[in-house]
mmCIF file of all heavy atoms, coordinates in Angstrom:
data_MODEL
# 
_entry.id   MODEL 
# 
loop_
_atom_site.group_PDB 
_atom_site.id 
_atom_site.type_symbol 
_atom_site.label_atom_id 
_atom_site.label_alt_id 
_atom_site.label_comp_id 
_atom_site.label_asym_id 
_atom_site.label_entity_id 
_atom_site.label_seq_id 
_atom_site.pdbx_PDB_ins_code 
_atom_site.Cartn_x 
_atom_site.Cartn_y 
_atom_site.Cartn_z 
_atom_site.occupancy 
_atom_site.B_iso_or_equiv 
_atom_site.pdbx_formal_charge 
_atom_site.auth_seq_id 
_atom_site.auth_comp_id 
_atom_site.auth_asym_id 
_atom_site.auth_atom_id 
_atom_site.pdbx_PDB_model_num 
ATOM 1   N N   . GLU A 1 1  ? 0.858  -1.205  -0.006  1.00 0.00 ? 1  GLU A N   1 
ATOM 2   C CA  . GLU A 1 1  ? 0.026  -0.022  -0.015  1.00 0.00 ? 1  GLU A CA  1 
ATOM 3   C C   . GLU A 1 1  ? 0.842  1.263   0.012   1.00 0.00 ? 1  GLU A C   1 
ATOM 4   O O   . GLU A 1 1  ? 0.448  2.278   -0.587  1.00 0.00 ? 1  GLU A O   1 
ATOM 5   C CB  . GLU A 1 1  ? -0.897 0.003   1.233   1.00 0.00 ? 1  GLU A CB  1 
ATOM 6   C CG  . GLU A 1 1  ? -2.081 -1.010  1.241   1.00 0.00 ? 1  GLU A CG  1 
ATOM 7   C CD  . GLU A 1 1  ? -3.274 -0.521  0.397   1.00 0.00 ? 1  GLU A CD  1 
ATOM 8   O OE1 . GLU A 1 1  ? -3.201 0.692   -0.092  1.00 0.00 ? 1  GLU A OE1 1 
ATOM 9   O OE2 . GLU A 1 1  ? -4.171 -1.317  0.230   1.00 0.00 ? 1  GLU A OE2 1 
ATOM 10  N N   . LYS A 1 2  ? 2.018  1.224   0.648   1.00 0.00 ? 2  LYS A N   1 
ATOM 11  C CA  . LYS A 1 2  ? 2.921  2.307   0.716   1.00 0.00 ? 2  LYS A CA  1 
ATOM 12  C C   . LYS A 1 2  ? 3.366  2.826   -0.620  1.00 0.00 ? 2  LYS A C   1 
ATOM 13  O O   . LYS A 1 2  ? 3.770  3.993   -0.817  1.00 0.00 ? 2  LYS A O   1 
ATOM 14  C CB  . LYS A 1 2  ? 4.074  2.102   1.620   1.00 0.00 ? 2  LYS A CB  1 
ATOM 15  C CG  . LYS A 1 2  ? 5.098  1.150   1.086   1.00 0.00 ? 2  LYS A CG  1 
ATOM 16  C CD  . LYS A 1 2  ? 6.248  0.823   2.034   1.00 0.00 ? 2  LYS A CD  1 
ATOM 17  C CE  . LYS A 1 2  ? 7.337  -0.101  1.494   1.00 0.00 ? 2  LYS A CE  1 
ATOM 18  N NZ  . LYS A 1 2  ? 7.937  0.360   0.254   1.00 0.00 ? 2  LYS A NZ  1 
ATOM 19  N N   . ASP A 1 3  ? 3.280  1.949   -1.683  1.00 0.00 ? 3  ASP A N   1 
ATOM 20  C CA  . ASP A 1 3  ? 3.824  2.289   -2.956  1.00 0.00 ? 3  ASP A CA  1 
ATOM 21  C C   . ASP A 1 3  ? 2.616  2.771   -3.980  1.00 0.00 ? 3  ASP A C   1 
ATOM 22  O O   . ASP A 1 3  ? 2.885  2.938   -5.141  1.00 0.00 ? 3  ASP A O   1 
ATOM 23  C CB  . ASP A 1 3  ? 4.555  1.182   -3.576  1.00 0.00 ? 3  ASP A CB  1 
ATOM 24  C CG  . ASP A 1 3  ? 5.871  0.935   -2.957  1.00 0.00 ? 3  ASP A CG  1 
ATOM 25  O OD1 . ASP A 1 3  ? 6.495  1.962   -2.496  1.00 0.00 ? 3  ASP A OD1 1 
ATOM 26  O OD2 . ASP A 1 3  ? 6.282  -0.207  -2.792  1.00 0.00 ? 3  ASP A OD2 1 
ATOM 27  N N   . LYS A 1 4  ? 1.443  2.870   -3.401  1.00 0.00 ? 4  LYS A N   1 
ATOM 28  C CA  . LYS A 1 4  ? 0.302  3.143   -4.241  1.00 0.00 ? 4  LYS A CA  1 
ATOM 29  C C   . LYS A 1 4  ? 0.416  4.405   -5.035  1.00 0.00 ? 4  LYS A C   1 
ATOM 30  O O   . LYS A 1 4  ? -0.119 4.457   -6.164  1.00 0.00 ? 4  LYS A O   1 
ATOM 31  C CB  . LYS A 1 4  ? -0.982 3.203   -3.382  1.00 0.00 ? 4  LYS A CB  1 
ATOM 32  C CG  . LYS A 1 4  ? -2.248 2.781   -3.996  1.00 0.00 ? 4  LYS A CG  1 
ATOM 33  C CD  . LYS A 1 4  ? -3.355 2.520   -3.057  1.00 0.00 ? 4  LYS A CD  1 
ATOM 34  C CE  . LYS A 1 4  ? -4.558 1.782   -3.700  1.00 0.00 ? 4  LYS A CE  1 
ATOM 35  N NZ  . LYS A 1 4  ? -5.559 1.401   -2.754  1.00 0.00 ? 4  LYS A NZ  1 
ATOM 36  N N   . ALA A 1 5  ? 1.063  5.410   -4.487  1.00 0.00 ? 5  ALA A N   1 
ATOM 37  C CA  . ALA A 1 5  ? 1.173  6.613   -5.172  1.00 0.00 ? 5  ALA A CA  1 
ATOM 38  C C   . ALA A 1 5  ? 2.039  6.508   -6.438  1.00 0.00 ? 5  ALA A C   1 
ATOM 39  O O   . ALA A 1 5  ? 1.961  7.364   -7.340  1.00 0.00 ? 5  ALA A O   1 
ATOM 40  C CB  . ALA A 1 5  ? 1.873  7.726   -4.230  1.00 0.00 ? 5  ALA A CB  1 
ATOM 41  N N   . PHE A 1 6  ? 2.902  5.483   -6.536  1.00 0.00 ? 6  PHE A N   1 
ATOM 42  C CA  . PHE A 1 6  ? 3.714  5.246   -7.643  1.00 0.00 ? 6  PHE A CA  1 
ATOM 43  C C   . PHE A 1 6  ? 3.042  4.475   -8.790  1.00 0.00 ? 6  PHE A C   1 
ATOM 44  O O   . PHE A 1 6  ? 3.593  4.375   -9.976  1.00 0.00 ? 6  PHE A O   1 
ATOM 45  C CB  . PHE A 1 6  ? 5.065  4.573   -7.293  1.00 0.00 ? 6  PHE A CB  1 
ATOM 46  C CG  . PHE A 1 6  ? 5.837  5.358   -6.243  1.00 0.00 ? 6  PHE A CG  1 
ATOM 47  C CD1 . PHE A 1 6  ? 6.239  4.604   -5.093  1.00 0.00 ? 6  PHE A CD1 1 
ATOM 48  C CD2 . PHE A 1 6  ? 6.168  6.713   -6.409  1.00 0.00 ? 6  PHE A CD2 1 
ATOM 49  C CE1 . PHE A 1 6  ? 7.010  5.354   -4.146  1.00 0.00 ? 6  PHE A CE1 1 
ATOM 50  C CE2 . PHE A 1 6  ? 6.920  7.327   -5.415  1.00 0.00 ? 6  PHE A CE2 1 
ATOM 51  C CZ  . PHE A 1 6  ? 7.357  6.652   -4.370  1.00 0.00 ? 6  PHE A CZ  1 
ATOM 52  N N   . VAL A 1 7  ? 1.840  3.915   -8.550  1.00 0.00 ? 7  VAL A N   1 
ATOM 53  C CA  . VAL A 1 7  ? 1.166  3.023   -9.436  1.00 0.00 ? 7  VAL A CA  1 
ATOM 54  C C   . VAL A 1 7  ? 0.075  3.903   -10.192 1.00 0.00 ? 7  VAL A C   1 
ATOM 55  O O   . VAL A 1 7  ? -0.928 4.178   -9.736  1.00 0.00 ? 7  VAL A O   1 
ATOM 56  C CB  . VAL A 1 7  ? 0.591  1.809   -8.832  1.00 0.00 ? 7  VAL A CB  1 
ATOM 57  C CG1 . VAL A 1 7  ? -0.053 0.931   -9.827  1.00 0.00 ? 7  VAL A CG1 1 
ATOM 58  C CG2 . VAL A 1 7  ? 1.724  1.053   -8.040  1.00 0.00 ? 7  VAL A CG2 1 
ATOM 59  N N   . ASP A 1 8  ? 0.394  4.280   -11.358 1.00 0.00 ? 8  ASP A N   1 
ATOM 60  C CA  . ASP A 1 8  ? -0.624 5.041   -12.234 1.00 0.00 ? 8  ASP A CA  1 
ATOM 61  C C   . ASP A 1 8  ? -1.704 4.105   -12.667 1.00 0.00 ? 8  ASP A C   1 
ATOM 62  O O   . ASP A 1 8  ? -1.547 2.858   -12.671 1.00 0.00 ? 8  ASP A O   1 
ATOM 63  C CB  . ASP A 1 8  ? 0.090  5.603   -13.430 1.00 0.00 ? 8  ASP A CB  1 
ATOM 64  C CG  . ASP A 1 8  ? 1.225  6.649   -12.980 1.00 0.00 ? 8  ASP A CG  1 
ATOM 65  O OD1 . ASP A 1 8  ? 0.953  7.316   -11.952 1.00 0.00 ? 8  ASP A OD1 1 
ATOM 66  O OD2 . ASP A 1 8  ? 2.137  6.816   -13.727 1.00 0.00 ? 8  ASP A OD2 1 
ATOM 67  N N   . ASP A 1 9  ? -2.832 4.620   -13.044 1.00 0.00 ? 9  ASP A N   1 
ATOM 68  C CA  . ASP A 1 9  ? -3.949 3.872   -13.678 1.00 0.00 ? 9  ASP A CA  1 
ATOM 69  C C   . ASP A 1 9  ? -3.420 3.071   -14.889 1.00 0.00 ? 9  ASP A C   1 
ATOM 70  O O   . ASP A 1 9  ? -2.604 3.597   -15.697 1.00 0.00 ? 9  ASP A O   1 
ATOM 71  C CB  . ASP A 1 9  ? -5.055 4.803   -14.104 1.00 0.00 ? 9  ASP A CB  1 
ATOM 72  C CG  . ASP A 1 9  ? -5.743 5.440   -12.921 1.00 0.00 ? 9  ASP A CG  1 
ATOM 73  O OD1 . ASP A 1 9  ? -5.699 4.856   -11.756 1.00 0.00 ? 9  ASP A OD1 1 
ATOM 74  O OD2 . ASP A 1 9  ? -6.379 6.522   -13.077 1.00 0.00 ? 9  ASP A OD2 1 
ATOM 75  N N   . PHE A 1 10 ? -3.878 1.949   -15.094 1.00 0.00 ? 10 PHE A N   1 
ATOM 76  C CA  . PHE A 1 10 ? -3.347 1.088   -16.178 1.00 0.00 ? 10 PHE A CA  1 
ATOM 77  C C   . PHE A 1 10 ? -4.617 0.249   -16.730 1.00 0.00 ? 10 PHE A C   1 
ATOM 78  O O   . PHE A 1 10 ? -5.559 -0.040  -15.992 1.00 0.00 ? 10 PHE A O   1 
ATOM 79  C CB  . PHE A 1 10 ? -2.236 0.176   -15.715 1.00 0.00 ? 10 PHE A CB  1 
ATOM 80  C CG  . PHE A 1 10 ? -2.538 -0.825  -14.702 1.00 0.00 ? 10 PHE A CG  1 
ATOM 81  C CD1 . PHE A 1 10 ? -3.034 -2.094  -15.017 1.00 0.00 ? 10 PHE A CD1 1 
ATOM 82  C CD2 . PHE A 1 10 ? -2.454 -0.401  -13.273 1.00 0.00 ? 10 PHE A CD2 1 
ATOM 83  C CE1 . PHE A 1 10 ? -3.300 -3.031  -14.024 1.00 0.00 ? 10 PHE A CE1 1 
ATOM 84  C CE2 . PHE A 1 10 ? -2.803 -1.313  -12.306 1.00 0.00 ? 10 PHE A CE2 1 
ATOM 85  C CZ  . PHE A 1 10 ? -3.246 -2.578  -12.635 1.00 0.00 ? 10 PHE A CZ  1 
ATOM 86  N N   . SER A 1 11 ? -4.363 -0.217  -17.944 1.00 0.00 ? 11 SER A N   1 
ATOM 87  C CA  . SER A 1 11 ? -5.393 -1.088  -18.601 1.00 0.00 ? 11 SER A CA  1 
ATOM 88  C C   . SER A 1 11 ? -5.396 -2.488  -17.974 1.00 0.00 ? 11 SER A C   1 
ATOM 89  O O   . SER A 1 11 ? -4.343 -3.027  -17.726 1.00 0.00 ? 11 SER A O   1 
ATOM 90  C CB  . SER A 1 11 ? -5.102 -1.182  -20.071 1.00 0.00 ? 11 SER A CB  1 
ATOM 91  O OG  . SER A 1 11 ? -6.023 -2.097  -20.678 1.00 0.00 ? 11 SER A OG  1 
ATOM 92  N N   . THR A 1 12 ? -6.597 -3.080  -17.830 1.00 0.00 ? 12 THR A N   1 
ATOM 93  C CA  . THR A 1 12 ? -6.683 -4.408  -17.288 1.00 0.00 ? 12 THR A CA  1 
ATOM 94  C C   . THR A 1 12 ? -6.866 -5.485  -18.471 1.00 0.00 ? 12 THR A C   1 
ATOM 95  O O   . THR A 1 12 ? -7.123 -6.615  -18.201 1.00 0.00 ? 12 THR A O   1 
ATOM 96  C CB  . THR A 1 12 ? -7.844 -4.588  -16.304 1.00 0.00 ? 12 THR A CB  1 
ATOM 97  O OG1 . THR A 1 12 ? -9.060 -4.242  -16.985 1.00 0.00 ? 12 THR A OG1 1 
ATOM 98  C CG2 . THR A 1 12 ? -7.576 -3.662  -15.107 1.00 0.00 ? 12 THR A CG2 1 
ATOM 99  N N   . SER A 1 13 ? -6.673 -5.038  -19.703 1.00 0.00 ? 13 SER A N   1 
ATOM 100 C CA  . SER A 1 13 ? -6.731 -5.942  -20.786 1.00 0.00 ? 13 SER A CA  1 
ATOM 101 C C   . SER A 1 13 ? -5.625 -7.047  -20.616 1.00 0.00 ? 13 SER A C   1 
ATOM 102 O O   . SER A 1 13 ? -4.518 -6.731  -20.258 1.00 0.00 ? 13 SER A O   1 
ATOM 103 C CB  . SER A 1 13 ? -6.510 -5.233  -22.133 1.00 0.00 ? 13 SER A CB  1 
ATOM 104 O OG  . SER A 1 13 ? -6.523 -6.036  -23.183 1.00 0.00 ? 13 SER A OG  1 
ATOM 105 N N   . THR A 1 14 ? -5.895 -8.268  -20.989 1.00 0.00 ? 14 THR A N   1 
ATOM 106 C CA  . THR A 1 14 ? -4.998 -9.312  -20.735 1.00 0.00 ? 14 THR A CA  1 
ATOM 107 C C   . THR A 1 14 ? -4.147 -9.677  -21.945 1.00 0.00 ? 14 THR A C   1 
ATOM 108 O O   . THR A 1 14 ? -3.214 -10.480 -21.926 1.00 0.00 ? 14 THR A O   1 
ATOM 109 C CB  . THR A 1 14 ? -5.686 -10.577 -20.411 1.00 0.00 ? 14 THR A CB  1 
ATOM 110 O OG1 . THR A 1 14 ? -6.637 -10.979 -21.310 1.00 0.00 ? 14 THR A OG1 1 
ATOM 111 C CG2 . THR A 1 14 ? -6.492 -10.397 -19.067 1.00 0.00 ? 14 THR A CG2 1 
ATOM 112 N N   . ASN A 1 15 ? -4.394 -9.057  -23.153 1.00 0.00 ? 15 ASN A N   1 
ATOM 113 C CA  . ASN A 1 15 ? -3.634 -9.525  -24.337 1.00 0.00 ? 15 ASN A CA  1 
ATOM 114 C C   . ASN A 1 15 ? -3.146 -8.430  -25.120 1.00 0.00 ? 15 ASN A C   1 
ATOM 115 O O   . ASN A 1 15 ? -2.845 -8.575  -26.413 1.00 0.00 ? 15 ASN A O   1 
ATOM 116 C CB  . ASN A 1 15 ? -4.580 -10.393 -25.180 1.00 0.00 ? 15 ASN A CB  1 
ATOM 117 C CG  . ASN A 1 15 ? -5.880 -9.772  -25.626 1.00 0.00 ? 15 ASN A CG  1 
ATOM 118 O OD1 . ASN A 1 15 ? -6.051 -8.609  -25.293 1.00 0.00 ? 15 ASN A OD1 1 
ATOM 119 N ND2 . ASN A 1 15 ? -6.583 -10.431 -26.460 1.00 0.00 ? 15 ASN A ND2 1 
ATOM 120 N N   . ASP A 1 16 ? -3.012 -7.286  -24.609 1.00 0.00 ? 16 ASP A N   1 
ATOM 121 C CA  . ASP A 1 16 ? -2.515 -6.144  -25.388 1.00 0.00 ? 16 ASP A CA  1 
ATOM 122 C C   . ASP A 1 16 ? -1.071 -5.807  -25.112 1.00 0.00 ? 16 ASP A C   1 
ATOM 123 O O   . ASP A 1 16 ? -0.643 -5.659  -24.005 1.00 0.00 ? 16 ASP A O   1 
ATOM 124 C CB  . ASP A 1 16 ? -3.403 -4.847  -25.078 1.00 0.00 ? 16 ASP A CB  1 
ATOM 125 C CG  . ASP A 1 16 ? -4.808 -4.948  -25.598 1.00 0.00 ? 16 ASP A CG  1 
ATOM 126 O OD1 . ASP A 1 16 ? -4.947 -5.735  -26.561 1.00 0.00 ? 16 ASP A OD1 1 
ATOM 127 O OD2 . ASP A 1 16 ? -5.723 -4.260  -25.113 1.00 0.00 ? 16 ASP A OD2 1 
ATOM 128 N N   . GLY A 1 17 ? -0.231 -5.775  -26.179 1.00 0.00 ? 17 GLY A N   1 
ATOM 129 C CA  . GLY A 1 17 ? 1.098  -5.290  -26.060 1.00 0.00 ? 17 GLY A CA  1 
ATOM 130 C C   . GLY A 1 17 ? 2.130  -6.284  -25.624 1.00 0.00 ? 17 GLY A C   1 
ATOM 131 O O   . GLY A 1 17 ? 1.774  -7.505  -25.330 1.00 0.00 ? 17 GLY A O   1 
ATOM 132 N N   . ASN A 1 18 ? 3.332  -5.943  -25.770 1.00 0.00 ? 18 ASN A N   1 
ATOM 133 C CA  . ASN A 1 18 ? 4.490  -6.829  -25.367 1.00 0.00 ? 18 ASN A CA  1 
ATOM 134 C C   . ASN A 1 18 ? 5.590  -5.948  -24.827 1.00 0.00 ? 18 ASN A C   1 
ATOM 135 O O   . ASN A 1 18 ? 5.674  -4.791  -24.999 1.00 0.00 ? 18 ASN A O   1 
ATOM 136 C CB  . ASN A 1 18 ? 4.931  -7.676  -26.529 1.00 0.00 ? 18 ASN A CB  1 
ATOM 137 C CG  . ASN A 1 18 ? 5.342  -6.886  -27.660 1.00 0.00 ? 18 ASN A CG  1 
ATOM 138 O OD1 . ASN A 1 18 ? 6.347  -6.176  -27.633 1.00 0.00 ? 18 ASN A OD1 1 
ATOM 139 N ND2 . ASN A 1 18 ? 4.620  -7.006  -28.845 1.00 0.00 ? 18 ASN A ND2 1 
ATOM 140 N N   . ILE A 1 19 ? 6.550  -6.597  -24.144 1.00 0.00 ? 19 ILE A N   1 
ATOM 141 C CA  . ILE A 1 19 ? 7.675  -6.050  -23.604 1.00 0.00 ? 19 ILE A CA  1 
ATOM 142 C C   . ILE A 1 19 ? 8.790  -6.971  -23.766 1.00 0.00 ? 19 ILE A C   1 
ATOM 143 O O   . ILE A 1 19 ? 8.740  -8.135  -23.405 1.00 0.00 ? 19 ILE A O   1 
ATOM 144 C CB  . ILE A 1 19 ? 7.473  -5.704  -22.071 1.00 0.00 ? 19 ILE A CB  1 
ATOM 145 C CG1 . ILE A 1 19 ? 8.687  -4.902  -21.511 1.00 0.00 ? 19 ILE A CG1 1 
ATOM 146 C CG2 . ILE A 1 19 ? 6.986  -6.825  -21.315 1.00 0.00 ? 19 ILE A CG2 1 
ATOM 147 C CD1 . ILE A 1 19 ? 8.422  -4.332  -20.158 1.00 0.00 ? 19 ILE A CD1 1 
ATOM 148 N N   . VAL A 1 20 ? 9.936  -6.504  -24.271 1.00 0.00 ? 20 VAL A N   1 
ATOM 149 C CA  . VAL A 1 20 ? 11.058 -7.312  -24.650 1.00 0.00 ? 20 VAL A CA  1 
ATOM 150 C C   . VAL A 1 20 ? 12.405 -6.795  -24.116 1.00 0.00 ? 20 VAL A C   1 
ATOM 151 O O   . VAL A 1 20 ? 12.615 -5.604  -24.291 1.00 0.00 ? 20 VAL A O   1 
ATOM 152 C CB  . VAL A 1 20 ? 11.146 -7.428  -26.226 1.00 0.00 ? 20 VAL A CB  1 
ATOM 153 C CG1 . VAL A 1 20 ? 12.305 -8.375  -26.666 1.00 0.00 ? 20 VAL A CG1 1 
ATOM 154 C CG2 . VAL A 1 20 ? 9.838  -7.916  -26.829 1.00 0.00 ? 20 VAL A CG2 1 
ATOM 155 N N   . LEU A 1 21 ? 13.175 -7.691  -23.489 1.00 0.00 ? 21 LEU A N   1 
ATOM 156 C CA  . LEU A 1 21 ? 14.510 -7.309  -23.163 1.00 0.00 ? 21 LEU A CA  1 
ATOM 157 C C   . LEU A 1 21 ? 15.481 -7.318  -24.296 1.00 0.00 ? 21 LEU A C   1 
ATOM 158 O O   . LEU A 1 21 ? 15.524 -8.259  -25.086 1.00 0.00 ? 21 LEU A O   1 
ATOM 159 C CB  . LEU A 1 21 ? 15.102 -8.330  -22.096 1.00 0.00 ? 21 LEU A CB  1 
ATOM 160 C CG  . LEU A 1 21 ? 16.442 -8.088  -21.654 1.00 0.00 ? 21 LEU A CG  1 
ATOM 161 C CD1 . LEU A 1 21 ? 16.582 -6.829  -20.767 1.00 0.00 ? 21 LEU A CD1 1 
ATOM 162 C CD2 . LEU A 1 21 ? 16.905 -9.300  -20.692 1.00 0.00 ? 21 LEU A CD2 1 
ATOM 163 N N   . THR A 1 22 ? 16.079 -6.158  -24.638 1.00 0.00 ? 22 THR A N   1 
ATOM 164 C CA  . THR A 1 22 ? 17.003 -6.047  -25.759 1.00 0.00 ? 22 THR A CA  1 
ATOM 165 C C   . THR A 1 22 ? 18.441 -5.873  -25.427 1.00 0.00 ? 22 THR A C   1 
ATOM 166 O O   . THR A 1 22 ? 19.298 -6.117  -26.288 1.00 0.00 ? 22 THR A O   1 
ATOM 167 C CB  . THR A 1 22 ? 16.538 -4.852  -26.712 1.00 0.00 ? 22 THR A CB  1 
ATOM 168 O OG1 . THR A 1 22 ? 16.700 -3.622  -25.844 1.00 0.00 ? 22 THR A OG1 1 
ATOM 169 C CG2 . THR A 1 22 ? 15.109 -4.948  -27.126 1.00 0.00 ? 22 THR A CG2 1 
ATOM 170 N N   . SER A 1 23 ? 18.763 -5.587  -24.189 1.00 0.00 ? 23 SER A N   1 
ATOM 171 C CA  . SER A 1 23 ? 20.247 -5.461  -23.817 1.00 0.00 ? 23 SER A CA  1 
ATOM 172 C C   . SER A 1 23 ? 20.284 -5.722  -22.330 1.00 0.00 ? 23 SER A C   1 
ATOM 173 O O   . SER A 1 23 ? 19.530 -5.229  -21.503 1.00 0.00 ? 23 SER A O   1 
ATOM 174 C CB  . SER A 1 23 ? 20.660 -4.088  -24.156 1.00 0.00 ? 23 SER A CB  1 
ATOM 175 O OG  . SER A 1 23 ? 22.028 -3.811  -23.727 1.00 0.00 ? 23 SER A OG  1 
ATOM 176 N N   . TYR A 1 24 ? 21.397 -6.485  -22.001 1.00 0.00 ? 24 TYR A N   1 
ATOM 177 C CA  . TYR A 1 24 ? 21.568 -6.841  -20.607 1.00 0.00 ? 24 TYR A CA  1 
ATOM 178 C C   . TYR A 1 24 ? 23.024 -6.719  -20.202 1.00 0.00 ? 24 TYR A C   1 
ATOM 179 O O   . TYR A 1 24 ? 23.857 -7.270  -20.871 1.00 0.00 ? 24 TYR A O   1 
ATOM 180 C CB  . TYR A 1 24 ? 21.051 -8.263  -20.423 1.00 0.00 ? 24 TYR A CB  1 
ATOM 181 C CG  . TYR A 1 24 ? 21.166 -8.727  -18.932 1.00 0.00 ? 24 TYR A CG  1 
ATOM 182 C CD1 . TYR A 1 24 ? 20.124 -8.631  -18.092 1.00 0.00 ? 24 TYR A CD1 1 
ATOM 183 C CD2 . TYR A 1 24 ? 22.320 -9.298  -18.430 1.00 0.00 ? 24 TYR A CD2 1 
ATOM 184 C CE1 . TYR A 1 24 ? 20.121 -9.060  -16.750 1.00 0.00 ? 24 TYR A CE1 1 
ATOM 185 C CE2 . TYR A 1 24 ? 22.440 -9.755  -17.122 1.00 0.00 ? 24 TYR A CE2 1 
ATOM 186 C CZ  . TYR A 1 24 ? 21.397 -9.594  -16.298 1.00 0.00 ? 24 TYR A CZ  1 
ATOM 187 O OH  . TYR A 1 24 ? 21.430 -9.970  -14.928 1.00 0.00 ? 24 TYR A OH  1 
ATOM 188 N N   . SER A 1 25 ? 23.222 -6.078  -19.077 1.00 0.00 ? 25 SER A N   1 
ATOM 189 C CA  . SER A 1 25 ? 24.490 -6.135  -18.377 1.00 0.00 ? 25 SER A CA  1 
ATOM 190 C C   . SER A 1 25 ? 24.246 -5.892  -16.918 1.00 0.00 ? 25 SER A C   1 
ATOM 191 O O   . SER A 1 25 ? 23.186 -5.542  -16.513 1.00 0.00 ? 25 SER A O   1 
ATOM 192 C CB  . SER A 1 25 ? 25.421 -4.947  -18.936 1.00 0.00 ? 25 SER A CB  1 
ATOM 193 O OG  . SER A 1 25 ? 24.939 -3.750  -18.581 1.00 0.00 ? 25 SER A OG  1 
# 
C-alpha cells in the first residue's frame, strides 16, 4: 500500500502489447 502513489492507472486488458529485453549487463 505504501507504493500506491507510484502506481498510475493502467489497462486491465490481458492480451494487449508486449515487452522485450533487448540489452543486458
